[in-house]
């Protein structure tokens, strides 16, 4: 297939310490780490990124999704849209653990959503990096989300329909 195989990765968010520990071993200090009725909202600055000022992540456990957005540095720049990734989310009083299921949806600001990472996902399934149950969960989550976003024509409208709102 020729694609680079990325192993399934696990991120741990220390809610009290406002830190995100990536599966790669990197720890990121978060600017904001806030529990919401619908999940967990994380934000961290990206000072080395010439295009984006920050990364915003919403962990949505009831939907099995991680929503990622980047805020542009320039207020005149067009937003990049959203990336919705299928994840398994486990949590306790102190931390949230996300296991990436390697399949997602890219939803541009204007235009149709598209499934992403399908080659990497297929390779992970065939190599046994994902169990059949995890693979099934990822496919069902992404296809269900795709249909809902398509019906609502917009990520913001879909999120509102699901009762997910950003608190300023």
Protein backbone atom coordinates (compact mmCIF):
# COMPACT_ATOMS: atom_id res chain seq x y z
CA UNK A 1 0.00 0.00 0.00
CA UNK A 2 2.90 2.34 0.60
CA UNK A 3 1.39 4.31 3.48
CA UNK A 4 3.24 4.99 6.69
CA UNK A 5 1.81 2.91 9.50
CA UNK A 6 1.21 4.91 12.64
CA UNK A 7 0.51 2.76 15.68
CA UNK A 8 -2.68 3.35 17.58
CA UNK A 9 -1.96 6.04 20.13
CA UNK A 10 -3.30 6.86 23.54
CA UNK A 11 -3.44 10.38 24.99
CA UNK A 12 -3.99 11.05 28.68
CA UNK A 13 -5.35 14.38 29.84
CA UNK A 14 -4.59 15.26 33.45
CA UNK A 15 -7.61 17.47 34.12
CA UNK A 16 -6.42 18.89 37.45
CA UNK A 17 -2.91 19.65 36.16
CA UNK A 18 -4.16 20.87 32.75
CA UNK A 19 -1.62 18.68 30.93
CA UNK A 20 -1.96 16.41 27.93
CA UNK A 21 0.40 13.43 27.72
CA UNK A 22 0.69 12.21 24.13
CA UNK A 23 1.35 8.60 23.20
CA UNK A 24 4.66 9.75 21.71
CA UNK A 25 5.91 10.71 25.19
CA UNK A 26 5.46 14.47 24.73
CA UNK A 27 3.63 16.39 27.48
CA UNK A 28 1.79 19.58 26.56
CA UNK A 29 0.74 22.22 29.06
CA UNK A 30 -2.82 23.31 28.27
CA UNK A 31 -4.00 26.92 28.37
CA UNK A 32 -7.55 25.75 29.12
CA UNK A 33 -8.89 22.44 30.35
CA UNK A 34 -12.56 22.70 31.17
CA UNK A 35 -15.22 20.12 31.93
CA UNK A 36 -18.47 20.77 30.12
CA UNK A 37 -21.81 19.01 30.38
CA UNK A 38 -21.08 17.38 26.99
CA UNK A 39 -17.41 16.48 27.58
CA UNK A 40 -14.01 18.08 27.97
CA UNK A 41 -12.67 21.19 26.20
CA UNK A 42 -8.91 21.62 25.79
CA UNK A 43 -6.96 24.48 24.28
CA UNK A 44 -3.26 25.11 23.90
CA UNK A 45 -1.28 27.76 22.11
CA UNK A 46 0.82 26.81 19.10
CA UNK A 47 3.60 29.45 19.19
CA UNK A 48 5.79 27.62 16.66
CA UNK A 49 3.01 27.34 14.08
CA UNK A 50 3.16 30.27 11.64
CA UNK A 51 -0.47 29.80 10.55
CA UNK A 52 -2.38 28.80 13.70
CA UNK A 53 -2.44 30.50 17.09
CA UNK A 54 -3.97 27.59 18.99
CA UNK A 55 -5.36 24.08 18.84
CA UNK A 56 -8.80 23.44 20.34
CA UNK A 57 -9.94 19.91 21.14
CA UNK A 58 -13.31 18.75 22.35
CA UNK A 59 -13.62 15.24 23.74
CA UNK A 60 -17.18 14.03 23.22
CA UNK A 61 -17.55 10.72 25.09
CA UNK A 62 -21.22 10.09 24.30
CA UNK A 63 -20.43 10.36 20.59
CA UNK A 64 -17.05 8.56 20.70
CA UNK A 65 -15.41 11.53 19.00
CA UNK A 66 -12.53 13.96 19.35
CA UNK A 67 -13.18 17.24 17.53
CA UNK A 68 -10.04 19.19 16.63
CA UNK A 69 -9.90 22.71 15.28
CA UNK A 70 -7.11 25.21 14.78
CA UNK A 71 -7.58 28.93 15.31
CA UNK A 72 -5.87 30.98 12.62
CA UNK A 73 -3.31 33.62 13.64
CA UNK A 74 -4.76 36.20 11.31
CA UNK A 75 -8.33 37.22 11.90
CA UNK A 76 -8.62 37.60 8.13
CA UNK A 77 -7.68 33.97 7.45
CA UNK A 78 -10.33 31.40 6.63
CA UNK A 79 -10.88 28.75 9.31
CA UNK A 80 -9.59 25.29 8.40
CA UNK A 81 -12.74 23.46 9.39
CA UNK A 82 -12.97 20.53 11.78
CA UNK A 83 -11.48 17.09 12.15
CA UNK A 84 -13.72 14.55 13.87
CA UNK A 85 -11.79 11.45 14.93
CA UNK A 86 -13.30 8.21 16.21
CA UNK A 87 -11.89 7.53 19.69
CA UNK A 88 -12.57 5.42 22.71
CA UNK A 89 -12.73 7.62 25.82
CA UNK A 90 -12.17 6.31 29.32
CA UNK A 91 -12.23 8.66 32.28
CA UNK A 92 -11.94 8.83 36.01
CA UNK A 93 -11.93 11.65 38.54
CA UNK A 94 -8.47 12.89 37.53
CA UNK A 95 -7.86 11.96 33.88
CA UNK A 96 -9.42 11.36 30.49
CA UNK A 97 -7.81 8.71 28.29
CA UNK A 98 -8.45 8.71 24.55
CA UNK A 99 -7.53 5.83 22.30
CA UNK A 100 -7.42 6.86 18.65
CA UNK A 101 -9.33 4.42 16.43
CA UNK A 102 -7.51 5.75 13.33
CA UNK A 103 -10.52 6.79 11.27
CA UNK A 104 -12.07 10.22 11.00
CA UNK A 105 -14.00 12.87 9.13
CA UNK A 106 -12.60 16.08 7.75
CA UNK A 107 -15.29 18.73 7.57
CA UNK A 108 -14.25 21.94 5.79
CA UNK A 109 -15.79 25.26 6.74
CA UNK A 110 -17.75 25.14 3.47
CA UNK A 111 -18.19 21.96 1.52
CA UNK A 112 -18.81 18.28 2.01
CA UNK A 113 -17.32 16.13 4.74
CA UNK A 114 -14.96 13.36 3.73
CA UNK A 115 -13.66 10.28 5.47
CA UNK A 116 -9.92 10.47 6.21
CA UNK A 117 -7.17 8.06 7.22
CA UNK A 118 -8.89 5.07 5.60
CA UNK A 119 -5.61 3.59 4.30
CA UNK A 120 -3.96 3.83 7.71
CA UNK A 121 -7.10 2.39 9.31
CA UNK A 122 -7.23 -0.55 6.87
CA UNK A 123 -3.55 -1.32 7.45
CA UNK A 124 -4.01 -1.16 11.24
CA UNK A 125 -6.96 -3.56 11.02
CA UNK A 126 -5.12 -6.03 8.79
CA UNK A 127 -1.99 -5.85 10.99
CA UNK A 128 -4.04 -6.47 14.16
CA UNK A 129 -3.32 -3.03 15.69
CA UNK A 130 -7.08 -2.62 16.10
CA UNK A 131 -9.37 -5.38 17.34
CA UNK A 132 -12.40 -6.25 15.18
CA UNK A 133 -14.59 -4.59 17.84
CA UNK A 134 -12.55 -1.37 17.73
CA UNK A 135 -12.61 -1.39 13.93
CA UNK A 136 -16.38 -1.87 13.90
CA UNK A 137 -16.82 0.92 16.46
CA UNK A 138 -14.68 3.28 14.35
CA UNK A 139 -16.56 2.55 11.11
CA UNK A 140 -19.99 2.85 12.74
CA UNK A 141 -19.04 6.07 14.57
CA UNK A 142 -17.60 7.76 11.49
CA UNK A 143 -20.42 6.74 9.14
CA UNK A 144 -23.13 7.71 11.64
CA UNK A 145 -21.43 11.07 12.24
CA UNK A 146 -21.03 11.61 8.48
CA UNK A 147 -24.76 11.09 7.94
CA UNK A 148 -25.72 13.40 10.80
CA UNK A 149 -23.37 16.19 9.68
CA UNK A 150 -24.62 15.79 6.09
CA UNK A 151 -28.26 16.07 7.23
CA UNK A 152 -27.51 19.21 9.26
CA UNK A 153 -25.30 20.64 6.47
CA UNK A 154 -22.86 22.13 8.94
CA UNK A 155 -20.79 21.01 11.95
CA UNK A 156 -22.05 23.88 14.11
CA UNK A 157 -25.69 23.05 13.42
CA UNK A 158 -25.03 19.36 14.05
CA UNK A 159 -23.28 20.14 17.35
CA UNK A 160 -26.15 22.40 18.41
CA UNK A 161 -28.63 19.63 17.55
CA UNK A 162 -26.56 17.32 19.80
CA UNK A 163 -26.58 19.88 22.63
CA UNK A 164 -22.88 20.66 22.32
CA UNK A 165 -22.07 24.35 22.70
CA UNK A 166 -18.84 26.21 23.37
CA UNK A 167 -18.89 28.36 26.46
CA UNK A 168 -16.98 31.60 25.88
